[in-house]
Amino acid sequence: MFQVHVVDKANRLAYEGYLDTYFRLRHDIYVGERGWHELRRADGKEVDAFDTCEAVYLIGIDPHLGVVAGSRLISTVRPHLMSEVFPGLADGAVPRRDDTFEWTRFFVVRALREAGRPCRAAGVLYCAVQEYGLLRGIRHVTVVCEDYWQRRFQSIGWNPRRLGMPLPHDGTSLVGLMLDISASALRATRDAYEIADTVLGTAAPHFAQD
């Protein structure tokens, strides 16, 4: 299985090629597959207002396939999706704390999805969020997601809590959730996806140009 690499402003240059692929895959998946046409860009990259130098990217890199999964974390003390676009998902103020990050732009490439069963590639990315959070002293992540995700996070021990009432949006129902980062949640996630060890990579692999 692939490893997940943490990319931030300290090592971004070393992952430049992988980041370019990551943004192109986001466009393919969110615009091409999911039909979020308002995100379409002429350069074929899905980049929004929250892709700043302060964003942290968790990028799954397979030695043969390249980028196969991705996700983004943003400190909630900075502008983020829930605070700027969906504040109505929280009753009262949107949580904004040093120990709480927002988790967005989760994806797994089509080749690694497993219809009708839990997707192990997704489980790797879930473990990466927990591992990185524990290393950084993050206690919670918030997410804007369809309401069915609450049951999924409950099943892997993340203790999801709704921050407010659901919001109808483009034919679905969005919720704002607060999820726990904890050693017990990491253990439960590893057990659920049969992952025995750390999923985090330690150094940028060589980027092969097409």
N, C-alpha and C. Protein backbone atom coordinates (compact mmCIF):
# COMPACT_ATOMS: atom_id res chain seq x y z
N MET A 1 0.85 -1.20 0.00
CA MET A 1 0.00 0.00 0.00
C MET A 1 0.88 1.24 0.00
N PHE A 2 0.34 2.33 -0.47
CA PHE A 2 1.09 3.58 -0.60
C PHE A 2 1.35 4.21 0.76
N GLN A 3 2.29 5.17 0.79
CA GLN A 3 2.54 5.99 1.97
C GLN A 3 1.94 7.38 1.77
N VAL A 4 1.65 8.04 2.87
CA VAL A 4 1.09 9.39 2.83
C VAL A 4 2.16 10.37 3.29
N HIS A 5 2.40 11.38 2.47
CA HIS A 5 3.45 12.36 2.74
C HIS A 5 2.83 13.68 3.18
N VAL A 6 3.38 14.24 4.25
CA VAL A 6 2.94 15.53 4.76
C VAL A 6 3.69 16.63 4.01
N VAL A 7 2.94 17.51 3.35
CA VAL A 7 3.55 18.58 2.57
C VAL A 7 3.07 19.91 3.16
N ASP A 8 4.04 20.72 3.57
CA ASP A 8 3.70 22.04 4.12
C ASP A 8 4.70 23.06 3.60
N LYS A 9 4.69 24.26 4.14
CA LYS A 9 5.55 25.31 3.60
C LYS A 9 7.04 25.01 3.81
N ALA A 10 7.37 24.12 4.76
CA ALA A 10 8.77 23.81 5.01
C ALA A 10 9.38 22.91 3.95
N ASN A 11 8.57 22.04 3.33
CA ASN A 11 9.12 21.08 2.36
C ASN A 11 8.42 21.13 1.01
N ARG A 12 7.62 22.16 0.78
CA ARG A 12 6.79 22.24 -0.41
C ARG A 12 7.60 22.15 -1.70
N LEU A 13 8.75 22.76 -1.73
CA LEU A 13 9.56 22.75 -2.96
C LEU A 13 9.94 21.33 -3.36
N ALA A 14 10.23 20.47 -2.38
CA ALA A 14 10.63 19.09 -2.68
C ALA A 14 9.48 18.29 -3.28
N TYR A 15 8.25 18.71 -3.06
CA TYR A 15 7.07 17.99 -3.54
C TYR A 15 6.35 18.73 -4.67
N GLU A 16 7.03 19.67 -5.31
CA GLU A 16 6.38 20.54 -6.29
C GLU A 16 5.66 19.75 -7.39
N GLY A 17 6.32 18.74 -7.95
CA GLY A 17 5.70 17.94 -9.00
C GLY A 17 4.50 17.16 -8.50
N TYR A 18 4.60 16.61 -7.30
CA TYR A 18 3.48 15.86 -6.74
C TYR A 18 2.30 16.79 -6.42
N LEU A 19 2.59 18.00 -5.95
CA LEU A 19 1.52 18.95 -5.68
C LEU A 19 0.78 19.34 -6.95
N ASP A 20 1.51 19.52 -8.04
CA ASP A 20 0.87 19.84 -9.31
C ASP A 20 -0.10 18.72 -9.71
N THR A 21 0.35 17.47 -9.57
CA THR A 21 -0.52 16.33 -9.88
C THR A 21 -1.72 16.29 -8.93
N TYR A 22 -1.47 16.55 -7.66
CA TYR A 22 -2.54 16.57 -6.66
C TYR A 22 -3.64 17.56 -7.04
N PHE A 23 -3.27 18.78 -7.43
CA PHE A 23 -4.28 19.77 -7.80
C PHE A 23 -5.01 19.38 -9.08
N ARG A 24 -4.33 18.72 -10.01
CA ARG A 24 -4.99 18.27 -11.23
C ARG A 24 -5.96 17.13 -10.94
N LEU A 25 -5.59 16.25 -10.03
CA LEU A 25 -6.51 15.18 -9.64
C LEU A 25 -7.73 15.74 -8.92
N ARG A 26 -7.53 16.73 -8.09
CA ARG A 26 -8.67 17.38 -7.45
C ARG A 26 -9.64 17.92 -8.50
N HIS A 27 -9.12 18.52 -9.55
CA HIS A 27 -9.97 19.04 -10.62
C HIS A 27 -10.70 17.89 -11.33
N ASP A 28 -9.96 16.83 -11.65
CA ASP A 28 -10.58 15.67 -12.32
C ASP A 28 -11.73 15.11 -11.50
N ILE A 29 -11.51 15.00 -10.18
CA ILE A 29 -12.48 14.33 -9.32
C ILE A 29 -13.63 15.26 -8.94
N TYR A 30 -13.30 16.46 -8.47
CA TYR A 30 -14.36 17.35 -7.98
C TYR A 30 -15.15 18.00 -9.11
N VAL A 31 -14.48 18.34 -10.21
CA VAL A 31 -15.18 18.95 -11.33
C VAL A 31 -15.67 17.87 -12.30
N GLY A 32 -14.76 16.98 -12.74
CA GLY A 32 -15.12 15.99 -13.74
C GLY A 32 -16.07 14.92 -13.24
N GLU A 33 -15.79 14.35 -12.06
CA GLU A 33 -16.61 13.26 -11.54
C GLU A 33 -17.81 13.74 -10.74
N ARG A 34 -17.58 14.68 -9.86
CA ARG A 34 -18.65 15.09 -8.94
C ARG A 34 -19.49 16.24 -9.49
N GLY A 35 -19.05 16.85 -10.57
CA GLY A 35 -19.85 17.87 -11.21
C GLY A 35 -19.88 19.21 -10.51
N TRP A 36 -18.84 19.53 -9.74
CA TRP A 36 -18.78 20.84 -9.09
C TRP A 36 -18.23 21.85 -10.10
N HIS A 37 -19.06 22.21 -11.07
CA HIS A 37 -18.59 22.98 -12.22
C HIS A 37 -18.15 24.39 -11.86
N GLU A 38 -18.61 24.90 -10.73
CA GLU A 38 -18.17 26.24 -10.31
C GLU A 38 -16.68 26.27 -9.96
N LEU A 39 -16.08 25.08 -9.79
CA LEU A 39 -14.65 25.00 -9.48
C LEU A 39 -13.79 24.86 -10.74
N ARG A 40 -14.42 24.76 -11.90
CA ARG A 40 -13.67 24.54 -13.14
C ARG A 40 -12.69 25.68 -13.41
N ARG A 41 -11.47 25.30 -13.81
CA ARG A 41 -10.45 26.28 -14.17
C ARG A 41 -9.82 25.88 -15.49
N ALA A 42 -9.38 26.87 -16.25
CA ALA A 42 -8.81 26.61 -17.57
C ALA A 42 -7.51 25.83 -17.49
N ASP A 43 -6.76 25.97 -16.38
CA ASP A 43 -5.48 25.27 -16.25
C ASP A 43 -5.64 23.84 -15.76
N GLY A 44 -6.88 23.39 -15.49
CA GLY A 44 -7.11 22.02 -15.08
C GLY A 44 -6.67 21.71 -13.66
N LYS A 45 -6.50 22.75 -12.83
CA LYS A 45 -6.12 22.54 -11.43
C LYS A 45 -7.24 23.07 -10.54
N GLU A 46 -7.61 22.30 -9.52
CA GLU A 46 -8.63 22.75 -8.58
C GLU A 46 -7.91 23.38 -7.39
N VAL A 47 -7.89 24.70 -7.38
CA VAL A 47 -7.21 25.48 -6.35
C VAL A 47 -8.21 26.52 -5.84
N ASP A 48 -8.36 26.63 -4.53
CA ASP A 48 -9.32 27.60 -4.00
C ASP A 48 -8.63 28.59 -3.07
N ALA A 49 -9.43 29.42 -2.43
CA ALA A 49 -8.89 30.50 -1.61
C ALA A 49 -8.15 30.01 -0.38
N PHE A 50 -8.33 28.74 -0.04
CA PHE A 50 -7.71 28.21 1.17
C PHE A 50 -6.43 27.41 0.89
N ASP A 51 -6.05 27.34 -0.37
CA ASP A 51 -4.77 26.70 -0.73
C ASP A 51 -3.65 27.74 -0.62
N THR A 52 -3.37 28.11 0.59
CA THR A 52 -2.33 29.10 0.88
C THR A 52 -1.06 28.39 1.34
N CYS A 53 -0.04 29.19 1.61
CA CYS A 53 1.22 28.61 2.09
C CYS A 53 1.07 27.97 3.46
N GLU A 54 -0.01 28.28 4.17
CA GLU A 54 -0.23 27.71 5.50
C GLU A 54 -0.98 26.38 5.46
N ALA A 55 -1.50 26.00 4.30
CA ALA A 55 -2.21 24.72 4.20
C ALA A 55 -1.24 23.56 4.34
N VAL A 56 -1.73 22.48 4.90
CA VAL A 56 -0.97 21.22 5.03
C VAL A 56 -1.67 20.19 4.16
N TYR A 57 -0.89 19.53 3.30
CA TYR A 57 -1.45 18.52 2.40
C TYR A 57 -0.96 17.14 2.80
N LEU A 58 -1.88 16.19 2.82
CA LEU A 58 -1.55 14.79 3.04
C LEU A 58 -1.74 14.10 1.70
N ILE A 59 -0.63 13.71 1.08
CA ILE A 59 -0.66 13.21 -0.29
C ILE A 59 -0.20 11.76 -0.32
N GLY A 60 -1.10 10.88 -0.77
CA GLY A 60 -0.76 9.46 -0.90
C GLY A 60 0.02 9.23 -2.19
N ILE A 61 1.22 8.68 -2.06
CA ILE A 61 2.10 8.47 -3.22
C ILE A 61 2.46 7.00 -3.31
N ASP A 62 2.06 6.39 -4.41
CA ASP A 62 2.41 5.00 -4.70
C ASP A 62 3.68 4.98 -5.55
N PRO A 63 4.63 4.08 -5.28
CA PRO A 63 5.88 4.09 -6.03
C PRO A 63 5.71 3.83 -7.52
N HIS A 64 4.60 3.19 -7.91
CA HIS A 64 4.37 2.88 -9.33
C HIS A 64 3.31 3.78 -9.96
N LEU A 65 2.31 4.18 -9.18
CA LEU A 65 1.18 4.93 -9.73
C LEU A 65 1.28 6.43 -9.50
N GLY A 66 2.19 6.87 -8.64
CA GLY A 66 2.28 8.29 -8.32
C GLY A 66 1.24 8.69 -7.30
N VAL A 67 0.66 9.87 -7.46
CA VAL A 67 -0.33 10.37 -6.51
C VAL A 67 -1.63 9.59 -6.66
N VAL A 68 -2.09 9.00 -5.57
CA VAL A 68 -3.31 8.17 -5.60
C VAL A 68 -4.36 8.63 -4.60
N ALA A 69 -4.03 9.56 -3.73
CA ALA A 69 -4.98 10.02 -2.72
C ALA A 69 -4.50 11.36 -2.18
N GLY A 70 -5.43 12.09 -1.60
CA GLY A 70 -5.03 13.38 -1.07
C GLY A 70 -6.04 13.95 -0.10
N SER A 71 -5.59 14.96 0.65
CA SER A 71 -6.41 15.62 1.63
C SER A 71 -5.71 16.92 2.03
N ARG A 72 -6.47 17.79 2.71
CA ARG A 72 -5.91 19.09 3.12
C ARG A 72 -6.33 19.40 4.54
N LEU A 73 -5.43 19.99 5.30
CA LEU A 73 -5.70 20.44 6.66
C LEU A 73 -5.34 21.92 6.78
N ILE A 74 -6.21 22.68 7.45
CA ILE A 74 -5.99 24.10 7.64
C ILE A 74 -6.33 24.44 9.09
N SER A 75 -5.45 25.18 9.75
CA SER A 75 -5.72 25.60 11.12
C SER A 75 -7.00 26.42 11.15
N THR A 76 -7.87 26.14 12.12
CA THR A 76 -9.13 26.87 12.20
C THR A 76 -8.95 28.30 12.72
N VAL A 77 -7.76 28.66 13.18
CA VAL A 77 -7.56 30.06 13.56
C VAL A 77 -7.37 30.94 12.32
N ARG A 78 -7.18 30.30 11.16
CA ARG A 78 -7.07 31.01 9.88
C ARG A 78 -8.40 30.88 9.12
N PRO A 79 -8.61 31.71 8.10
CA PRO A 79 -9.82 31.54 7.29
C PRO A 79 -9.88 30.14 6.69
N HIS A 80 -11.04 29.52 6.77
CA HIS A 80 -11.20 28.17 6.23
C HIS A 80 -12.63 28.00 5.71
N LEU A 81 -12.91 26.86 5.12
CA LEU A 81 -14.17 26.67 4.41
C LEU A 81 -15.38 26.92 5.31
N MET A 82 -15.38 26.35 6.50
CA MET A 82 -16.55 26.52 7.35
C MET A 82 -16.69 27.96 7.82
N SER A 83 -15.60 28.60 8.18
CA SER A 83 -15.70 29.96 8.71
C SER A 83 -16.11 30.97 7.65
N GLU A 84 -15.66 30.75 6.40
CA GLU A 84 -15.88 31.75 5.35
C GLU A 84 -17.05 31.45 4.43
N VAL A 85 -17.37 30.17 4.22
CA VAL A 85 -18.39 29.79 3.24
C VAL A 85 -19.62 29.17 3.90
N PHE A 86 -19.43 28.35 4.94
CA PHE A 86 -20.55 27.65 5.56
C PHE A 86 -20.64 27.90 7.07
N PRO A 87 -20.60 29.17 7.51
CA PRO A 87 -20.69 29.41 8.96
C PRO A 87 -22.03 28.99 9.55
N GLY A 88 -23.08 28.90 8.71
CA GLY A 88 -24.39 28.49 9.20
C GLY A 88 -24.46 27.06 9.65
N LEU A 89 -23.42 26.25 9.37
CA LEU A 89 -23.41 24.86 9.83
C LEU A 89 -23.10 24.73 11.31
N ALA A 90 -22.67 25.81 11.94
CA ALA A 90 -22.38 25.78 13.37
C ALA A 90 -23.39 26.64 14.12
N ASP A 91 -23.96 26.09 15.18
CA ASP A 91 -24.80 26.89 16.07
C ASP A 91 -23.88 27.80 16.87
N GLY A 92 -24.03 29.10 16.70
CA GLY A 92 -23.11 30.02 17.34
C GLY A 92 -21.85 30.18 16.51
N ALA A 93 -20.73 30.43 17.17
CA ALA A 93 -19.49 30.69 16.47
C ALA A 93 -18.87 29.39 15.94
N VAL A 94 -18.27 29.48 14.76
CA VAL A 94 -17.50 28.35 14.22
C VAL A 94 -16.29 28.11 15.12
N PRO A 95 -15.98 26.85 15.49
CA PRO A 95 -14.82 26.58 16.34
C PRO A 95 -13.53 27.09 15.70
N ARG A 96 -12.76 27.87 16.46
CA ARG A 96 -11.49 28.41 15.96
C ARG A 96 -10.49 28.33 17.11
N ARG A 97 -9.67 27.26 17.10
CA ARG A 97 -8.73 27.03 18.19
C ARG A 97 -7.42 26.50 17.64
N ASP A 98 -6.34 26.71 18.38
CA ASP A 98 -5.03 26.24 17.95
C ASP A 98 -4.97 24.72 17.81
N ASP A 99 -5.77 24.01 18.60
CA ASP A 99 -5.70 22.54 18.59
C ASP A 99 -6.74 21.92 17.66
N THR A 100 -7.36 22.74 16.79
CA THR A 100 -8.41 22.25 15.90
C THR A 100 -8.12 22.68 14.47
N PHE A 101 -8.08 21.72 13.56
CA PHE A 101 -7.84 21.98 12.14
C PHE A 101 -9.08 21.57 11.34
N GLU A 102 -9.28 22.23 10.20
CA GLU A 102 -10.32 21.81 9.29
C GLU A 102 -9.73 20.83 8.28
N TRP A 103 -10.51 19.79 7.98
CA TRP A 103 -10.08 18.73 7.06
C TRP A 103 -10.97 18.77 5.82
N THR A 104 -10.38 18.97 4.66
CA THR A 104 -11.14 19.11 3.42
C THR A 104 -10.42 18.41 2.26
N ARG A 105 -11.11 18.39 1.11
CA ARG A 105 -10.58 17.93 -0.17
C ARG A 105 -10.00 16.51 -0.10
N PHE A 106 -10.78 15.63 0.52
CA PHE A 106 -10.41 14.21 0.61
C PHE A 106 -10.73 13.52 -0.72
N PHE A 107 -9.78 12.72 -1.24
CA PHE A 107 -10.08 11.92 -2.44
C PHE A 107 -9.18 10.70 -2.52
N VAL A 108 -9.68 9.69 -3.22
CA VAL A 108 -8.91 8.51 -3.62
C VAL A 108 -9.15 8.33 -5.11
N VAL A 109 -8.12 8.03 -5.87
CA VAL A 109 -8.28 7.87 -7.31
C VAL A 109 -9.16 6.65 -7.61
N ARG A 110 -9.80 6.69 -8.77
CA ARG A 110 -10.76 5.65 -9.15
C ARG A 110 -10.14 4.25 -9.09
N ALA A 111 -8.87 4.12 -9.50
CA ALA A 111 -8.23 2.81 -9.59
C ALA A 111 -8.14 2.10 -8.25
N LEU A 112 -8.18 2.84 -7.13
CA LEU A 112 -8.03 2.23 -5.81
C LEU A 112 -9.34 2.17 -5.03
N ARG A 113 -10.42 2.62 -5.62
CA ARG A 113 -11.71 2.53 -4.93
C ARG A 113 -12.25 1.10 -4.98
N GLU A 114 -12.97 0.72 -3.95
CA GLU A 114 -13.49 -0.64 -3.84
C GLU A 114 -14.99 -0.59 -3.64
N ALA A 115 -15.73 -0.77 -4.71
CA ALA A 115 -17.18 -0.68 -4.65
C ALA A 115 -17.76 -1.79 -3.77
N GLY A 116 -18.70 -1.42 -2.91
CA GLY A 116 -19.40 -2.40 -2.11
C GLY A 116 -18.68 -2.88 -0.87
N ARG A 117 -17.52 -2.28 -0.57
CA ARG A 117 -16.78 -2.67 0.63
C ARG A 117 -15.94 -1.49 1.10
N PRO A 118 -15.52 -1.49 2.37
CA PRO A 118 -14.68 -0.39 2.85
C PRO A 118 -13.40 -0.27 2.01
N CYS A 119 -13.09 0.94 1.60
CA CYS A 119 -11.94 1.18 0.73
C CYS A 119 -10.67 1.31 1.58
N ARG A 120 -9.74 0.36 1.40
CA ARG A 120 -8.53 0.38 2.23
C ARG A 120 -7.69 1.63 1.97
N ALA A 121 -7.69 2.11 0.73
CA ALA A 121 -6.93 3.33 0.42
C ALA A 121 -7.47 4.51 1.22
N ALA A 122 -8.80 4.58 1.36
CA ALA A 122 -9.38 5.62 2.20
C ALA A 122 -8.95 5.44 3.65
N GLY A 123 -8.89 4.19 4.10
CA GLY A 123 -8.45 3.92 5.46
C GLY A 123 -7.03 4.38 5.72
N VAL A 124 -6.17 4.24 4.72
CA VAL A 124 -4.79 4.73 4.85
C VAL A 124 -4.79 6.24 5.08
N LEU A 125 -5.61 6.94 4.32
CA LEU A 125 -5.68 8.39 4.46
C LEU A 125 -6.28 8.79 5.81
N TYR A 126 -7.29 8.05 6.26
CA TYR A 126 -7.84 8.31 7.59
C TYR A 126 -6.76 8.15 8.67
N CYS A 127 -5.98 7.08 8.56
CA CYS A 127 -4.90 6.87 9.53
C CYS A 127 -3.89 8.00 9.48
N ALA A 128 -3.61 8.50 8.28
CA ALA A 128 -2.65 9.60 8.14
C ALA A 128 -3.14 10.84 8.86
N VAL A 129 -4.43 11.13 8.77
CA VAL A 129 -4.98 12.29 9.48
C VAL A 129 -4.79 12.12 10.99
N GLN A 130 -5.09 10.93 11.49
CA GLN A 130 -4.91 10.68 12.91
C GLN A 130 -3.44 10.74 13.32
N GLU A 131 -2.57 10.10 12.55
CA GLU A 131 -1.15 10.10 12.90
C GLU A 131 -0.57 11.50 12.90
N TYR A 132 -0.86 12.26 11.85
CA TYR A 132 -0.34 13.62 11.77
C TYR A 132 -0.89 14.46 12.92
N GLY A 133 -2.18 14.33 13.20
CA GLY A 133 -2.77 15.09 14.28
C GLY A 133 -2.12 14.79 15.63
N LEU A 134 -1.86 13.53 15.89
CA LEU A 134 -1.21 13.16 17.15
C LEU A 134 0.20 13.72 17.23
N LEU A 135 0.92 13.71 16.12
CA LEU A 135 2.28 14.26 16.10
C LEU A 135 2.29 15.76 16.34
N ARG A 136 1.28 16.45 15.83
CA ARG A 136 1.22 17.91 15.91
C ARG A 136 0.49 18.43 17.14
N GLY A 137 -0.07 17.56 17.94
CA GLY A 137 -0.83 18.02 19.10
C GLY A 137 -2.21 18.54 18.74
N ILE A 138 -2.74 18.10 17.61
CA ILE A 138 -4.10 18.47 17.20
C ILE A 138 -5.08 17.56 17.93
N ARG A 139 -6.11 18.14 18.51
CA ARG A 139 -7.08 17.35 19.28
C ARG A 139 -8.36 17.08 18.50
N HIS A 140 -8.68 17.95 17.55
CA HIS A 140 -9.93 17.80 16.80
C HIS A 140 -9.73 18.23 15.35
N VAL A 141 -10.54 17.68 14.46
CA VAL A 141 -10.69 18.23 13.12
C VAL A 141 -12.16 18.50 12.88
N THR A 142 -12.44 19.56 12.13
CA THR A 142 -13.79 19.85 11.71
C THR A 142 -13.91 19.53 10.22
N VAL A 143 -15.10 19.15 9.79
CA VAL A 143 -15.33 18.85 8.38
C VAL A 143 -16.69 19.39 7.95
N VAL A 144 -16.77 19.79 6.69
CA VAL A 144 -18.03 20.07 6.02
C VAL A 144 -18.28 18.90 5.08
N CYS A 145 -19.37 18.18 5.26
CA CYS A 145 -19.55 16.94 4.51
C CYS A 145 -21.03 16.60 4.39
N GLU A 146 -21.34 15.62 3.53
CA GLU A 146 -22.70 15.10 3.47
C GLU A 146 -23.00 14.37 4.78
N ASP A 147 -24.29 14.36 5.16
CA ASP A 147 -24.63 13.88 6.49
C ASP A 147 -24.34 12.40 6.72
N TYR A 148 -24.25 11.59 5.62
CA TYR A 148 -23.99 10.17 5.83
C TYR A 148 -22.60 9.90 6.38
N TRP A 149 -21.68 10.87 6.26
CA TRP A 149 -20.33 10.68 6.79
C TRP A 149 -20.32 10.54 8.31
N GLN A 150 -21.32 11.08 8.97
CA GLN A 150 -21.34 10.99 10.43
C GLN A 150 -21.33 9.53 10.87
N ARG A 151 -22.14 8.70 10.23
CA ARG A 151 -22.18 7.27 10.59
C ARG A 151 -20.84 6.60 10.30
N ARG A 152 -20.22 6.96 9.20
CA ARG A 152 -18.92 6.36 8.85
C ARG A 152 -17.87 6.69 9.89
N PHE A 153 -17.80 7.95 10.31
CA PHE A 153 -16.81 8.33 11.31
C PHE A 153 -17.11 7.70 12.67
N GLN A 154 -18.39 7.55 12.98
CA GLN A 154 -18.76 6.88 14.23
C GLN A 154 -18.27 5.44 14.23
N SER A 155 -18.33 4.78 13.08
CA SER A 155 -17.96 3.37 13.00
C SER A 155 -16.47 3.14 13.19
N ILE A 156 -15.65 4.18 13.00
CA ILE A 156 -14.21 4.00 13.18
C ILE A 156 -13.69 4.78 14.39
N GLY A 157 -14.59 5.14 15.30
CA GLY A 157 -14.17 5.65 16.60
C GLY A 157 -13.75 7.10 16.66
N TRP A 158 -14.23 7.92 15.73
CA TRP A 158 -13.82 9.32 15.71
C TRP A 158 -14.75 10.24 16.50
N ASN A 159 -15.79 9.70 17.11
CA ASN A 159 -16.68 10.44 17.98
C ASN A 159 -17.22 11.72 17.31
N PRO A 160 -17.91 11.60 16.17
CA PRO A 160 -18.38 12.80 15.47
C PRO A 160 -19.52 13.50 16.20
N ARG A 161 -19.45 14.83 16.27
CA ARG A 161 -20.53 15.63 16.84
C ARG A 161 -20.95 16.69 15.84
N ARG A 162 -22.24 16.82 15.65
CA ARG A 162 -22.74 17.88 14.76
C ARG A 162 -22.60 19.22 15.45
N LEU A 163 -22.14 20.19 14.67
CA LEU A 163 -21.98 21.54 15.21
C LEU A 163 -23.25 22.37 15.09
N GLY A 164 -24.18 21.91 14.26
CA GLY A 164 -25.42 22.63 14.07
C GLY A 164 -26.38 21.82 13.22
N MET A 165 -27.39 22.48 12.70
CA MET A 165 -28.40 21.81 11.88
C MET A 165 -27.88 21.59 10.46
N PRO A 166 -28.36 20.52 9.77
CA PRO A 166 -27.96 20.30 8.38
C PRO A 166 -28.41 21.45 7.49
N LEU A 167 -27.72 21.60 6.37
CA LEU A 167 -27.99 22.66 5.41
C LEU A 167 -28.22 22.04 4.03
N PRO A 168 -29.40 22.21 3.43
CA PRO A 168 -29.60 21.71 2.06
C PRO A 168 -28.65 22.43 1.10
N HIS A 169 -28.02 21.66 0.22
CA HIS A 169 -27.04 22.26 -0.70
C HIS A 169 -26.90 21.38 -1.93
N ASP A 170 -27.27 21.90 -3.09
CA ASP A 170 -27.11 21.19 -4.37
C ASP A 170 -27.68 19.78 -4.33
N GLY A 171 -28.87 19.64 -3.79
CA GLY A 171 -29.54 18.35 -3.80
C GLY A 171 -29.10 17.38 -2.73
N THR A 172 -28.25 17.82 -1.81
CA THR A 172 -27.83 16.95 -0.71
C THR A 172 -27.98 17.70 0.60
N SER A 173 -27.58 17.08 1.70
CA SER A 173 -27.67 17.70 3.01
C SER A 173 -26.28 17.76 3.62
N LEU A 174 -25.78 18.98 3.84
CA LEU A 174 -24.45 19.16 4.41
C LEU A 174 -24.54 19.34 5.92
N VAL A 175 -23.51 18.83 6.61
CA VAL A 175 -23.40 19.04 8.05
C VAL A 175 -21.98 19.50 8.38
N GLY A 176 -21.85 20.17 9.49
CA GLY A 176 -20.54 20.48 10.05
C GLY A 176 -20.28 19.56 11.21
N LEU A 177 -19.18 18.83 11.17
CA LEU A 177 -18.86 17.87 12.22
C LEU A 177 -17.56 18.24 12.92
N MET A 178 -17.49 17.92 14.20
CA MET A 178 -16.25 17.95 14.96
C MET A 178 -15.86 16.51 15.24
N LEU A 179 -14.62 16.14 14.91
CA LEU A 179 -14.12 14.77 15.07
C LEU A 179 -12.93 14.77 16.01
N ASP A 180 -12.75 13.67 16.75
CA ASP A 180 -11.63 13.56 17.68
C ASP A 180 -10.38 13.03 17.00
N ILE A 181 -9.25 13.59 17.37
CA ILE A 181 -7.95 13.00 17.07
C ILE A 181 -7.44 12.37 18.37
N SER A 182 -7.24 11.06 18.35
CA SER A 182 -6.85 10.38 19.58
C SER A 182 -6.18 9.06 19.26
N ALA A 183 -5.42 8.55 20.21
CA ALA A 183 -4.77 7.25 20.04
C ALA A 183 -5.81 6.15 19.87
N SER A 184 -6.93 6.26 20.59
CA SER A 184 -7.97 5.23 20.46
C SER A 184 -8.62 5.27 19.08
N ALA A 185 -8.82 6.47 18.53
CA ALA A 185 -9.39 6.59 17.19
C ALA A 185 -8.44 6.02 16.14
N LEU A 186 -7.14 6.26 16.32
CA LEU A 186 -6.15 5.69 15.40
C LEU A 186 -6.17 4.16 15.47
N ARG A 187 -6.22 3.61 16.68
CA ARG A 187 -6.26 2.15 16.82
C ARG A 187 -7.51 1.58 16.16
N ALA A 188 -8.65 2.21 16.40
CA ALA A 188 -9.90 1.71 15.82
C ALA A 188 -9.87 1.77 14.30
N THR A 189 -9.27 2.81 13.75
CA THR A 189 -9.19 2.95 12.30
C THR A 189 -8.24 1.91 11.72
N ARG A 190 -7.11 1.70 12.36
CA ARG A 190 -6.19 0.66 11.88
C ARG A 190 -6.87 -0.71 11.92
N ASP A 191 -7.59 -0.99 12.99
CA ASP A 191 -8.29 -2.28 13.09
C ASP A 191 -9.33 -2.43 11.99
N ALA A 192 -10.07 -1.37 11.73
CA ALA A 192 -11.16 -1.43 10.75
C ALA A 192 -10.64 -1.70 9.34
N TYR A 193 -9.43 -1.20 9.04
CA TYR A 193 -8.89 -1.32 7.68
C TYR A 193 -7.68 -2.26 7.60
N GLU A 194 -7.43 -2.98 8.70
CA GLU A 194 -6.34 -3.96 8.75
C GLU A 194 -5.00 -3.33 8.36
N ILE A 195 -4.70 -2.23 9.02
CA ILE A 195 -3.44 -1.50 8.81
C ILE A 195 -2.60 -1.68 10.06
N ALA A 196 -1.41 -2.23 9.92
CA ALA A 196 -0.63 -2.64 11.08
C ALA A 196 0.35 -1.59 11.58
N ASP A 197 0.78 -0.67 10.73
CA ASP A 197 1.88 0.22 11.10
C ASP A 197 1.63 1.62 10.57
N THR A 198 2.58 2.51 10.83
CA THR A 198 2.44 3.89 10.37
C THR A 198 2.28 3.97 8.86
N VAL A 199 1.51 4.96 8.42
CA VAL A 199 1.31 5.15 6.98
C VAL A 199 2.06 6.38 6.48
N LEU A 200 2.68 7.13 7.36
CA LEU A 200 3.33 8.37 6.96
C LEU A 200 4.70 8.12 6.35
N GLY A 201 4.95 8.73 5.19
CA GLY A 201 6.26 8.67 4.55
C GLY A 201 7.20 9.68 5.19
N THR A 202 8.49 9.46 5.01
CA THR A 202 9.48 10.29 5.68
C THR A 202 10.30 11.17 4.77
N ALA A 203 10.31 10.89 3.46
CA ALA A 203 11.11 11.69 2.52
C ALA A 203 10.43 11.70 1.17
N ALA A 204 10.63 12.78 0.43
CA ALA A 204 10.00 12.91 -0.89
C ALA A 204 10.60 11.89 -1.86
N PRO A 205 9.79 11.01 -2.45
CA PRO A 205 10.32 10.11 -3.48
C PRO A 205 10.62 10.86 -4.77
N HIS A 206 11.45 10.26 -5.60
CA HIS A 206 11.77 10.88 -6.88
C HIS A 206 10.51 11.05 -7.71
N PHE A 207 10.34 12.26 -8.27
CA PHE A 207 9.17 12.52 -9.10
C PHE A 207 9.52 12.27 -10.56
N ALA A 208 8.82 11.32 -11.18
CA ALA A 208 9.08 10.96 -12.57
C ALA A 208 8.21 11.80 -13.48
N GLN A 209 8.80 12.58 -14.35
CA GLN A 209 8.04 13.37 -15.32
C GLN A 209 7.44 12.46 -16.39
N ASP A 210 6.23 12.81 -16.84
CA ASP A 210 5.61 12.05 -17.93
C ASP A 210 6.41 12.22 -19.23
